Amino acid sequence: MLASIPIRRLASSLSNSITSNAAIELKMNNGVVRFSLGGALDGNDSSTRVKQKAKRFKMSKKAKVNELKLYRLKAKKKMNSPNPEVRIRYKLEKAKRKEAWLIEKLRKFEVPKTPAEAYDPEILTEEEKHYLKRTGEKKKNYVPVGRRGVFGGVVLNMHLHWKKHETVKVICRPCKPGQVHEYAEELARLSKGIVIDIKPDNTIIFYRGKNYVQPNIMSPPYTLSKDKALEKYKYMQSLEHTSQFIEKLEKELEEYHKHLARYKKREGRCNK
């Protein structure tokens, strides 16, 4: 009885150290204690089988190459098909897949708009606005806004100009029609400056304000960096061209269907 206590303890410690699915058997042969591990318990047997089936099937390198070759062969057949509808539909499907991919990529560059900080907007008289407009036109200091659009570096440059000058010109080139007003609104929100005038040549004159105090962090935190802004611009350009290409293909498909309908009508008249 005394010898059986440590044996039980040993058996319990072994059962804890080994996985819970295994069963431990204790056998006594001629005064010699022997332990044996049984199979997995019936209750957990089904769960282990499900886990094994859920494992991802790994394809060999040769199988991947063969699958890619088959895909390219199918695409080549569609591109060289004698039927124009098959060719147009294949291009359209491919362009739509690219458009969805580009939209997904552009979502990564979306910057959350922070709530506008409470500040006292200065009210300028017409005379003050005219004076600031004239001085802004005469001065040569300016900040360019190029293809990257509005990002943290543009706001930083505006604050650096406002160290010595009351006004700064923001030149937007290239700029789509109506985009200059969006830039003016965004820059006014980020820099807390006042828009004095927007010129027809896409130039915005900003005034820093009478009670201007240079912020400690001149580049706003929730803005894109220079490299990220360029990357976003490239994706946007690609999306614009892809959307135009989709419209062109849809028109081609519509014209082909109209042409087919006309041809069938003529054929039906000739048969009569």
Protein backbone atom coordinates (compact mmCIF):
# COMPACT_ATOMS: atom_id res chain seq x y z
CA MET A 1 0.00 0.00 0.00
CA LEU A 2 2.84 2.37 0.84
CA ALA A 3 4.61 1.61 -2.45
CA SER A 4 1.42 2.27 -4.42
CA ILE A 5 1.25 5.99 -3.41
CA PRO A 6 4.38 7.17 -5.26
CA ILE A 7 3.37 5.02 -8.25
CA ARG A 8 0.01 6.82 -8.43
CA ARG A 9 1.71 10.18 -8.14
CA LEU A 10 4.13 9.25 -10.91
CA ALA A 11 1.29 8.09 -13.13
CA SER A 12 -0.65 11.32 -12.53
CA SER A 13 2.42 13.48 -13.28
CA LEU A 14 3.08 11.56 -16.49
CA SER A 15 -0.54 11.92 -17.58
CA ASN A 16 -0.34 15.70 -17.03
CA SER A 17 2.96 16.08 -18.89
CA ILE A 18 1.73 14.09 -21.88
CA THR A 19 -1.13 15.36 -24.04
CA SER A 20 -4.63 15.04 -22.70
CA ASN A 21 -5.70 12.89 -25.70
CA ALA A 22 -3.43 9.97 -24.67
CA ALA A 23 -4.48 7.25 -22.16
CA ILE A 24 -1.88 5.79 -19.71
CA GLU A 25 -2.00 2.13 -18.57
CA LEU A 26 -0.12 0.74 -15.52
CA LYS A 27 0.93 -2.94 -15.61
CA MET A 28 2.63 -5.09 -12.94
CA ASN A 29 4.72 -8.06 -14.12
CA ASN A 30 6.61 -10.01 -11.43
CA GLY A 31 6.96 -6.94 -9.19
CA VAL A 32 8.13 -4.68 -12.07
CA VAL A 33 6.05 -1.60 -12.83
CA ARG A 34 5.58 -0.81 -16.52
CA PHE A 35 3.78 2.14 -18.11
CA SER A 36 2.18 2.01 -21.56
CA LEU A 37 0.55 4.78 -23.61
CA GLY A 38 -2.78 3.96 -25.21
CA GLY A 39 -4.37 5.51 -28.28
CA ALA A 40 -6.24 8.80 -28.39
CA LEU A 41 -9.57 9.01 -26.61
CA ASP A 42 -12.69 8.53 -28.71
CA GLY A 43 -14.14 11.96 -27.81
CA ASN A 44 -11.22 13.96 -29.24
CA ASP A 45 -10.52 11.65 -32.17
CA SER A 46 -13.01 13.41 -34.46
CA SER A 47 -11.62 16.88 -33.63
CA THR A 48 -8.07 15.83 -34.54
CA ARG A 49 -9.27 14.46 -37.89
CA VAL A 50 -11.06 17.75 -38.67
CA LYS A 51 -7.89 19.70 -37.87
CA GLN A 52 -5.88 17.51 -40.21
CA LYS A 53 -8.38 18.07 -43.01
CA ALA A 54 -8.42 21.82 -42.36
CA LYS A 55 -4.68 22.04 -43.05
CA ARG A 56 -3.97 23.97 -46.21
CA PHE A 57 -3.08 21.85 -49.18
CA LYS A 58 0.41 22.81 -50.34
CA MET A 59 1.00 22.73 -54.09
CA SER A 60 4.37 21.80 -55.47
CA LYS A 61 6.34 24.26 -57.58
CA LYS A 62 5.72 22.23 -60.73
CA ALA A 63 1.94 22.20 -60.11
CA LYS A 64 1.93 25.99 -59.66
CA VAL A 65 3.86 26.47 -62.93
CA ASN A 66 1.46 24.16 -64.79
CA GLU A 67 -1.57 26.02 -63.40
CA LEU A 68 -0.06 29.35 -64.49
CA LYS A 69 0.65 27.98 -67.97
CA LEU A 70 -2.95 26.76 -68.27
CA TYR A 71 -4.28 30.19 -67.20
CA ARG A 72 -2.07 31.94 -69.78
CA LEU A 73 -3.17 29.53 -72.49
CA LYS A 74 -6.86 30.22 -71.76
CA ALA A 75 -6.20 33.98 -71.79
CA LYS A 76 -4.35 33.69 -75.12
CA LYS A 77 -7.26 31.76 -76.64
CA LYS A 78 -9.71 34.46 -75.57
CA MET A 79 -7.48 37.26 -76.88
CA ASN A 80 -7.05 35.52 -80.28
CA SER A 81 -10.68 34.43 -80.52
CA PRO A 82 -12.37 35.12 -83.91
CA ASN A 83 -15.48 36.29 -82.02
CA PRO A 84 -15.11 40.03 -81.17
CA GLU A 85 -17.52 39.73 -78.22
CA VAL A 86 -15.28 37.16 -76.49
CA ARG A 87 -12.25 39.45 -76.90
CA ILE A 88 -14.07 42.53 -75.59
CA ARG A 89 -15.59 40.66 -72.63
CA TYR A 90 -12.20 39.24 -71.64
CA LYS A 91 -10.60 42.72 -71.68
CA LEU A 92 -13.57 44.12 -69.74
CA GLU A 93 -13.33 41.46 -67.01
CA LYS A 94 -9.58 42.03 -66.69
CA ALA A 95 -10.01 45.81 -66.46
CA LYS A 96 -12.74 45.47 -63.80
CA ARG A 97 -10.49 43.20 -61.71
CA LYS A 98 -7.74 45.79 -61.93
CA GLU A 99 -10.16 48.58 -60.97
CA ALA A 100 -11.27 46.66 -57.84
CA TRP A 101 -7.63 46.01 -56.91
CA LEU A 102 -6.73 49.72 -57.29
CA ILE A 103 -9.71 50.81 -55.14
CA GLU A 104 -8.57 48.37 -52.44
CA LYS A 105 -5.03 49.80 -52.62
CA LEU A 106 -6.27 53.41 -52.35
CA ARG A 107 -8.19 52.59 -49.16
CA LYS A 108 -4.84 52.18 -47.39
CA PHE A 109 -4.03 55.85 -48.07
CA GLU A 110 -7.23 57.21 -46.54
CA VAL A 111 -6.33 59.58 -43.71
CA PRO A 112 -8.88 60.04 -40.91
CA LYS A 113 -10.01 63.67 -40.69
CA THR A 114 -9.41 65.03 -37.22
CA PRO A 115 -12.12 67.23 -35.70
CA ALA A 116 -11.39 70.91 -36.30
CA GLU A 117 -9.75 72.61 -33.34
CA ALA A 118 -11.68 75.48 -31.77
CA TYR A 119 -10.10 78.79 -32.75
CA ASP A 120 -11.33 82.35 -33.12
CA PRO A 121 -11.60 83.19 -36.86
CA GLU A 122 -10.46 86.71 -37.61
CA ILE A 123 -12.87 89.00 -39.43
CA LEU A 124 -11.12 91.14 -42.06
CA THR A 125 -12.56 94.28 -43.61
CA GLU A 126 -12.68 94.79 -47.37
CA GLU A 127 -9.82 97.30 -47.18
CA GLU A 128 -7.61 94.83 -45.28
CA LYS A 129 -8.42 92.09 -47.79
CA HIS A 130 -7.55 94.39 -50.71
CA TYR A 131 -4.25 95.39 -49.07
CA LEU A 132 -3.28 91.77 -48.32
CA LYS A 133 -4.26 90.72 -51.83
CA ARG A 134 -2.02 93.40 -53.38
CA THR A 135 0.92 92.61 -51.11
CA GLY A 136 0.52 88.87 -51.72
CA GLU A 137 0.60 89.41 -55.49
CA LYS A 138 3.75 91.55 -55.32
CA LYS A 139 5.77 89.21 -53.08
CA LYS A 140 7.70 86.35 -54.65
CA ASN A 141 7.45 83.78 -51.86
CA TYR A 142 5.32 80.78 -52.85
CA VAL A 143 4.65 77.12 -52.04
CA PRO A 144 4.11 74.68 -54.94
CA VAL A 145 1.40 72.00 -54.88
CA GLY A 146 2.22 69.48 -57.59
CA ARG A 147 0.97 66.06 -58.55
CA ARG A 148 1.23 64.77 -54.97
CA GLY A 149 -1.53 67.16 -53.87
CA VAL A 150 -1.86 68.33 -50.27
CA PHE A 151 0.38 66.52 -47.79
CA GLY A 152 2.29 67.36 -44.60
CA GLY A 153 5.24 69.00 -46.38
CA VAL A 154 3.05 71.66 -48.03
CA VAL A 155 1.66 72.83 -44.66
CA LEU A 156 5.18 72.80 -43.18
CA ASN A 157 6.46 75.08 -45.97
CA MET A 158 3.55 77.48 -45.43
CA HIS A 159 4.45 77.85 -41.73
CA LEU A 160 8.11 78.40 -42.64
CA HIS A 161 7.12 81.24 -45.02
CA TRP A 162 4.87 82.76 -42.34
CA LYS A 163 7.92 83.27 -40.10
CA LYS A 164 8.91 86.36 -42.11
CA HIS A 165 5.90 87.09 -44.33
CA GLU A 166 2.24 87.74 -43.57
CA THR A 167 1.06 86.19 -46.82
CA VAL A 168 2.09 83.24 -48.96
CA LYS A 169 1.09 82.15 -52.46
CA VAL A 170 0.19 78.49 -53.08
CA ILE A 171 0.59 77.59 -56.77
CA CYS A 172 -1.37 74.46 -57.79
CA ARG A 173 0.01 72.89 -60.98
CA PRO A 174 -1.11 70.54 -62.48
CA CYS A 175 -4.66 71.12 -61.29
CA LYS A 176 -8.00 69.84 -62.59
CA PRO A 177 -10.94 72.23 -63.01
CA GLY A 178 -12.46 72.99 -59.61
CA GLN A 179 -9.71 71.16 -57.71
CA VAL A 180 -8.09 74.43 -56.58
CA HIS A 181 -11.09 75.17 -54.32
CA GLU A 182 -10.70 71.74 -52.66
CA TYR A 183 -7.01 72.48 -52.07
CA ALA A 184 -7.84 75.90 -50.59
CA GLU A 185 -10.39 74.39 -48.17
CA GLU A 186 -8.03 71.57 -47.11
CA LEU A 187 -5.03 73.87 -46.59
CA ALA A 188 -7.11 76.37 -44.62
CA ARG A 189 -8.25 73.53 -42.31
CA LEU A 190 -4.74 72.15 -41.80
CA SER A 191 -2.79 75.42 -41.50
CA LYS A 192 -5.49 77.59 -39.81
CA GLY A 193 -4.73 80.27 -42.40
CA ILE A 194 -7.21 82.61 -44.11
CA VAL A 195 -7.89 82.39 -47.86
CA ILE A 196 -7.62 85.93 -49.29
CA ASP A 197 -8.04 85.23 -53.00
CA ILE A 198 -8.09 82.41 -55.59
CA LYS A 199 -6.67 83.43 -58.99
CA PRO A 200 -7.77 82.05 -62.37
CA ASP A 201 -4.26 80.62 -62.87
CA ASN A 202 -4.82 78.26 -59.87
CA THR A 203 -2.93 80.43 -57.36
CA ILE A 204 -4.22 80.80 -53.79
CA ILE A 205 -3.16 83.67 -51.50
CA PHE A 206 -3.17 82.76 -47.80
CA TYR A 207 -2.92 85.14 -44.83
CA ARG A 208 -1.46 83.84 -41.57
CA GLY A 209 -3.68 86.00 -39.30
CA LYS A 210 -3.08 88.90 -36.92
CA ASN A 211 -2.59 86.71 -33.83
CA TYR A 212 -0.48 84.07 -35.57
CA VAL A 213 1.63 81.84 -33.31
CA GLN A 214 3.86 79.25 -34.93
CA PRO A 215 2.83 75.74 -33.77
CA ASN A 216 5.34 73.37 -32.20
CA ILE A 217 4.53 70.67 -34.78
CA MET A 218 4.30 72.46 -38.11
CA SER A 219 3.47 69.34 -40.13
CA PRO A 220 0.02 67.99 -39.10
CA PRO A 221 0.13 64.41 -37.74
CA TYR A 222 -2.79 63.02 -39.78
CA THR A 223 -1.32 63.71 -43.23
CA LEU A 224 0.56 61.63 -45.79
CA SER A 225 4.33 61.76 -46.20
CA LYS A 226 5.97 62.84 -49.47
CA ASP A 227 6.59 59.24 -50.65
CA LYS A 228 3.11 58.04 -49.68
CA ALA A 229 1.49 61.01 -51.44
CA LEU A 230 3.37 60.16 -54.66
CA GLU A 231 2.37 56.50 -54.38
CA LYS A 232 -1.27 57.51 -53.92
CA TYR A 233 -1.07 59.79 -56.98
CA LYS A 234 0.20 56.89 -59.13
CA TYR A 235 -2.64 54.62 -58.03
CA MET A 236 -5.18 57.40 -58.66
CA GLN A 237 -3.83 58.00 -62.18
CA SER A 238 -3.95 54.28 -62.92
CA LEU A 239 -7.54 54.09 -61.61
CA GLU A 240 -8.60 57.04 -63.77
CA HIS A 241 -7.13 55.48 -66.94
CA THR A 242 -8.63 52.07 -66.10
CA SER A 243 -12.09 53.62 -65.60
CA GLN A 244 -11.82 55.38 -68.98
CA PHE A 245 -10.75 52.11 -70.61
CA ILE A 246 -13.76 50.29 -69.09
CA GLU A 247 -16.13 52.95 -70.47
CA LYS A 248 -14.52 52.59 -73.90
CA LEU A 249 -14.91 48.78 -73.86
CA GLU A 250 -18.55 49.01 -72.72
CA LYS A 251 -19.28 51.35 -75.65
CA GLU A 252 -17.54 48.95 -78.05
CA LEU A 253 -19.61 46.03 -76.73
CA GLU A 254 -22.83 48.04 -77.07
CA GLU A 255 -21.95 49.05 -80.65
CA TYR A 256 -21.14 45.43 -81.52
CA HIS A 257 -24.55 44.28 -80.22
CA LYS A 258 -26.27 47.01 -82.26
CA HIS A 259 -24.31 46.01 -85.35
CA LEU A 260 -25.26 42.35 -84.78
CA ALA A 261 -28.96 43.27 -84.41
CA ARG A 262 -28.86 45.27 -87.69
CA TYR A 263 -27.15 42.40 -89.51
CA LYS A 264 -29.80 39.90 -88.30
CA LYS A 265 -32.62 42.22 -89.45
CA ARG A 266 -31.08 42.53 -92.93
CA GLU A 267 -30.58 38.78 -93.13
CA GLY A 268 -34.23 38.22 -92.15
CA ARG A 269 -35.45 40.62 -94.88
CA CYS A 270 -33.29 38.93 -97.52
CA ASN A 271 -34.67 35.50 -96.60
CA LYS A 272 -38.26 36.78 -96.99
